[in-house]
Amino acid sequence: MEPENSDFYSPEELAEKLKVNKMTIYRLLARGELPYHQIGKLKRIRREDFEEFLRKTRVETQRE
């Protein structure tokens, strides 16, 4: 298990953090919606890229 303050996440770690299936993360990677680094067969997502992805996908609630 990687330390919590790691600068990179595996797709499985992001799936666990977001409480989604790991295939959801792999689909985001395949569609280019979430940037990643490929090291051999491993995919790793930078913390900053993940945080930017969260900012972009945030839906604001409308108040009346």
Protein backbone atom coordinates (compact mmCIF):
# COMPACT_ATOMS: atom_id res chain seq x y z
CA MET A 1 0.00 0.00 0.00
CA GLU A 2 1.31 3.44 -0.94
CA PRO A 3 1.63 6.24 1.63
CA GLU A 4 -1.35 8.60 1.86
CA ASN A 5 0.75 11.63 0.86
CA SER A 6 1.89 10.08 -2.43
CA ASP A 7 2.07 12.41 -5.46
CA PHE A 8 0.60 9.69 -7.69
CA TYR A 9 -2.44 7.42 -7.50
CA SER A 10 -3.17 4.10 -9.14
CA PRO A 11 -6.55 3.70 -10.85
CA GLU A 12 -7.58 1.32 -8.05
CA GLU A 13 -6.75 3.92 -5.38
CA LEU A 14 -8.83 6.57 -7.15
CA ALA A 15 -11.73 4.14 -7.51
CA GLU A 16 -11.59 3.50 -3.78
CA LYS A 17 -11.41 7.23 -2.97
CA LEU A 18 -14.40 8.04 -5.22
CA LYS A 19 -16.34 4.88 -4.26
CA VAL A 20 -16.71 3.84 -7.92
CA ASN A 21 -15.81 0.70 -9.83
CA LYS A 22 -12.20 0.67 -11.06
CA MET A 23 -13.48 0.25 -14.63
CA THR A 24 -15.02 3.72 -14.33
CA ILE A 25 -11.54 5.14 -13.74
CA TYR A 26 -10.07 3.13 -16.63
CA ARG A 27 -12.81 4.49 -18.92
CA LEU A 28 -11.99 8.07 -17.89
CA LEU A 29 -8.33 7.37 -18.69
CA ALA A 30 -9.16 5.78 -22.06
CA ARG A 31 -11.38 8.73 -23.08
CA GLY A 32 -8.67 11.22 -22.12
CA GLU A 33 -10.82 12.85 -19.45
CA LEU A 34 -8.25 12.13 -16.75
CA PRO A 35 -4.57 12.52 -17.68
CA TYR A 36 -2.13 9.83 -16.58
CA HIS A 37 1.46 8.64 -16.86
CA GLN A 38 2.22 5.18 -18.22
CA ILE A 39 5.19 3.36 -16.68
CA GLY A 40 5.46 0.03 -18.41
CA LYS A 41 1.98 -1.43 -18.05
CA LEU A 42 1.17 0.66 -14.99
CA LYS A 43 -0.96 3.77 -15.13
CA ARG A 44 -0.42 6.49 -12.53
CA ILE A 45 -2.39 9.69 -12.05
CA ARG A 46 -0.78 12.79 -10.56
CA ARG A 47 -2.51 14.24 -7.51
CA GLU A 48 -2.71 17.65 -9.24
CA ASP A 49 -4.36 16.14 -12.34
CA PHE A 50 -6.89 14.33 -10.17
CA GLU A 51 -7.69 17.53 -8.24
CA GLU A 52 -8.09 19.46 -11.52
CA PHE A 53 -10.42 16.72 -12.83
CA LEU A 54 -12.56 17.10 -9.68
CA ARG A 55 -12.73 20.89 -10.14
CA LYS A 56 -13.78 20.52 -13.78
CA THR A 57 -16.50 17.99 -13.05
CA ARG A 58 -18.03 19.84 -10.09
CA VAL A 59 -21.66 20.71 -10.55
CA GLU A 60 -22.80 23.87 -8.77
CA THR A 61 -26.18 23.78 -7.10
CA GLN A 62 -28.62 26.53 -7.97
CA ARG A 63 -30.21 28.44 -5.16
CA GLU A 64 -33.37 30.42 -5.51
